[in-house]
Protein backbone atom coordinates (compact mmCIF):
# COMPACT_ATOMS: atom_id res chain seq x y z
CA MET A 1 0.00 0.00 0.00
CA LYS A 2 1.39 3.34 -1.03
CA HIS A 3 1.71 6.03 1.68
CA ILE A 4 0.07 9.22 0.48
CA GLY A 5 1.10 11.44 3.42
CA THR A 6 -0.79 14.05 5.34
CA PRO A 7 -2.84 16.87 3.87
CA ASP A 8 0.05 19.20 4.79
CA ASP A 9 2.23 17.36 2.26
CA LEU A 10 -0.27 18.04 -0.52
CA ILE A 11 -1.42 21.57 0.19
CA GLU A 12 -0.42 24.37 -2.09
CA TYR A 13 0.21 27.66 -0.41
CA ARG A 14 -2.07 29.81 -2.48
CA SER A 15 -3.81 32.51 -0.60
CA THR A 16 -5.74 35.02 -2.66
CA THR A 17 -6.65 35.86 -6.18
CA ASP A 18 -6.30 39.30 -7.63
CA ALA A 19 -9.86 40.09 -6.51
CA GLY A 20 -8.97 39.39 -2.84
CA GLN A 21 -10.92 36.12 -2.56
CA HIS A 22 -9.28 32.97 -1.25
CA ILE A 23 -8.83 29.93 -3.47
CA CYS A 24 -8.94 26.38 -2.08
CA GLY A 25 -5.40 25.31 -1.17
CA TRP A 26 -5.97 21.65 -2.05
CA PRO A 27 -4.02 20.41 -5.12
CA ASP A 28 -5.93 20.62 -8.39
CA CYS A 29 -8.92 22.38 -6.77
CA ARG A 30 -10.05 25.74 -8.10
CA GLU A 31 -13.10 26.20 -5.83
CA PRO A 32 -13.34 29.33 -3.67
CA GLY A 33 -11.52 28.86 -0.35
CA GLU A 34 -14.25 30.01 2.04
CA HIS A 35 -13.21 27.95 5.09
CA ARG A 36 -10.03 28.39 7.05
CA ALA A 37 -8.02 25.81 8.99
CA PRO A 38 -4.92 26.39 11.15
CA VAL A 39 -1.54 25.71 9.57
CA SER A 40 -0.02 24.05 12.66
CA ARG A 41 -0.03 24.02 16.45
CA ASP A 42 2.78 26.57 16.46
CA ARG A 43 1.08 28.85 13.91
CA LEU A 44 -2.56 28.94 15.02
CA ASN A 45 -3.06 32.46 13.65
CA GLU A 46 -2.04 31.44 10.13
CA TYR A 47 -4.56 29.59 8.01
CA HIS A 48 -5.00 27.40 4.99
CA TRP A 49 -8.12 28.25 2.99
CA PHE A 50 -10.23 25.41 1.62
CA CYS A 51 -13.54 24.68 0.01
CA LEU A 52 -16.04 22.85 2.23
CA ASP A 53 -15.16 19.34 1.02
CA HIS A 54 -11.43 19.80 1.50
CA VAL A 55 -11.65 21.56 4.89
CA ARG A 56 -13.56 18.52 6.15
CA ILE A 57 -10.81 16.18 4.93
CA TYR A 58 -8.10 18.40 6.43
CA ASN A 59 -9.85 18.74 9.79
CA ARG A 60 -10.50 15.01 10.02
CA SER A 61 -6.78 14.27 9.73
CA TRP A 62 -5.40 17.27 11.65
CA ASN A 63 -4.05 16.50 15.13
CA TYR A 64 -3.11 19.32 17.46
CA TYR A 65 -0.94 17.00 19.57
CA VAL A 66 1.04 15.40 16.73
CA GLY A 67 4.73 15.09 17.62
CA MET A 68 4.14 15.42 21.39
CA SER A 69 4.89 12.72 23.96
CA ASP A 70 2.18 11.45 26.29
CA ALA A 71 3.64 13.50 29.15
CA GLU A 72 3.63 16.65 27.00
CA VAL A 73 0.02 16.04 25.97
CA GLU A 74 -0.99 15.52 29.62
CA SER A 75 0.82 18.71 30.66
CA CYS A 76 -0.85 20.67 27.86
CA VAL A 77 -4.32 19.38 28.78
CA ARG A 78 -3.78 20.18 32.48
CA SER A 79 -2.60 23.69 31.62
CA ASP A 80 -5.58 24.26 29.34
CA THR A 81 -8.06 23.38 32.12
CA THR A 82 -6.98 26.56 33.95
CA TRP A 83 -6.70 28.67 30.80
CA ASN A 84 -2.90 28.52 30.99
CA ARG A 85 -2.95 30.46 34.27
CA PRO A 86 -1.15 29.37 37.45
CA SER A 87 -3.23 27.65 40.09
CA TRP A 88 -2.74 26.56 43.69
CA PRO A 89 -4.23 23.71 45.70
CA PHE A 90 -7.31 24.43 47.76
CA ALA A 91 -5.96 22.73 50.88
CA GLY A 92 -4.08 24.94 53.26
CA GLY A 93 -4.20 26.63 56.61
CA ASN A 94 -7.01 29.03 55.71
CA VAL A 95 -9.56 26.45 54.63
CA LYS A 96 -12.82 26.44 56.60
CA GLN A 97 -14.84 23.34 57.23
CA PRO A 98 -17.76 22.98 54.83
CA GLY A 99 -21.23 23.82 56.03
CA PHE A 100 -22.94 26.67 57.81
CA ASP A 101 -21.08 28.24 60.73
CA PHE A 102 -23.56 29.22 63.45
CA HIS A 103 -20.87 31.09 65.40
CA ASN A 104 -20.53 33.76 62.71
CA VAL A 105 -24.22 34.69 62.68
CA ASP A 106 -25.26 38.02 64.15
CA ASP A 107 -27.66 36.85 66.87
CA PRO A 108 -28.37 39.74 69.27
CA LEU A 109 -31.17 37.82 71.02
CA GLY A 110 -29.07 34.70 71.55
CA LEU A 111 -31.62 32.42 69.90
CA ILE A 112 -29.23 30.35 67.82
CA ASN A 113 -27.16 27.71 69.50
CA ARG A 114 -26.25 24.16 68.59
CA GLY A 115 -28.11 22.77 71.64
CA GLY A 116 -31.24 24.88 71.33
CA MET A 117 -31.63 28.21 73.10
CA GLY A 118 -28.52 30.32 73.46
CA ALA A 119 -26.81 31.15 76.73
CA GLY A 120 -28.38 34.60 76.92
CA ALA A 121 -31.85 33.57 75.79
CA HIS A 122 -34.81 33.44 78.13
CA PRO A 123 -37.42 30.71 77.77
CA PRO A 124 -40.63 31.93 76.19
CA GLU A 125 -43.54 32.82 78.47
CA LEU A 126 -45.94 29.94 78.84
CA SER A 127 -49.68 30.49 78.96
CA ALA A 128 -51.67 29.34 81.99
CA PRO A 129 -53.02 26.21 80.19
CA GLU A 130 -49.48 25.29 79.08
CA ARG A 131 -48.08 25.71 82.63
CA GLN A 132 -50.90 23.57 84.02
CA ALA A 133 -50.32 20.92 81.33
CA PHE A 134 -46.64 20.70 82.31
CA ASN A 135 -47.67 20.33 85.97
CA VAL A 136 -50.19 17.56 85.19
CA LEU A 137 -47.58 15.62 83.21
CA GLY A 138 -44.85 16.30 85.77
CA LEU A 139 -42.54 17.92 83.21
CA GLU A 140 -40.59 21.18 83.04
CA PHE A 141 -40.12 23.38 80.00
CA PRO A 142 -38.31 22.89 77.65
CA VAL A 143 -38.97 19.31 76.54
CA THR A 144 -38.57 17.50 73.26
CA ARG A 145 -41.42 15.86 71.43
CA ASP A 146 -39.96 12.43 72.25
CA GLU A 147 -39.72 13.24 75.97
CA LEU A 148 -43.33 14.43 75.97
CA LYS A 149 -44.56 11.29 74.21
CA ALA A 150 -42.58 9.00 76.53
CA ARG A 151 -43.97 10.69 79.66
CA TYR A 152 -47.51 10.58 78.24
CA LYS A 153 -47.27 6.83 77.54
CA GLU A 154 -45.87 6.22 81.01
CA LEU A 155 -48.73 8.10 82.70
CA VAL A 156 -51.42 6.47 80.53
CA LYS A 157 -50.19 3.00 81.47
CA LEU A 158 -50.10 3.96 85.13
CA HIS A 159 -53.48 5.72 85.37
CA HIS A 160 -55.61 3.90 82.78
CA PRO A 161 -58.99 2.87 84.28
CA ASP A 162 -58.60 -0.71 83.03
CA ALA A 163 -55.30 -1.01 84.89
CA ASN A 164 -56.97 0.34 88.06
CA GLY A 165 -60.07 -1.88 88.16
CA GLY A 166 -62.43 0.74 86.68
CA ASP A 167 -61.63 3.33 89.38
CA LYS A 168 -63.53 6.62 88.77
CA ASP A 169 -60.60 8.71 90.09
CA ALA A 170 -58.25 7.01 87.58
CA GLU A 171 -60.73 7.85 84.82
CA GLU A 172 -60.63 11.54 85.76
CA ARG A 173 -56.83 11.50 85.98
CA ILE A 174 -56.53 9.96 82.49
CA LYS A 175 -58.85 12.66 81.08
CA GLY A 176 -56.60 15.35 82.57
CA ILE A 177 -53.48 13.62 81.18
CA ASN A 178 -55.03 13.40 77.69
CA GLN A 179 -56.07 17.06 77.79
CA ALA A 180 -52.61 18.18 78.98
CA TYR A 181 -50.94 16.16 76.23
CA GLU A 182 -53.21 17.69 73.56
CA VAL A 183 -52.52 21.23 74.85
CA LEU A 184 -48.75 20.79 74.67
CA MET A 185 -48.75 19.01 71.31
CA SER A 186 -51.01 21.61 69.70
CA ARG A 187 -49.41 24.75 71.14
CA ILE A 188 -45.72 23.89 71.44
CA PHE A 189 -45.03 21.32 68.73
CA THR A 190 -46.96 22.77 65.79
């Protein structure tokens, strides 16, 4: 099989006609050269001018990295990812941990804290029904939803009329426990 060579071996260096229009630089082609293609990697601002058919052939066979070693290609690609500008690693002494930093928030009322209310915050005022509900359940503010549910279950098991032989006093106590639980769940945890 006969080696033909690359398009660079065949291209004639014709640039313009007398009228200022480009002529296709492919051998034996007299079509207008309306499409440009770079001459080489080192001369990217100089162009061959081709007709559409020949620019497609040229571009298909043109390789920017021809003549470079694998290490040179890798270096070129890495440099191109930062637009040939220097870069530095992100890791260093000034790197903050990812995520939101609660300590840098302006919080004049002291409401934000990792554990709930801040050191300077005062608990909110409870209404009379809420204070009574806490007393009935034997809890103190603040409580979590899970603590409230656990205490409610404990008291229901202890004071349920069926567990107390149908005692009328136990029935009244369970009504008070249910009402206190509903007050706290509806007013505090909604």
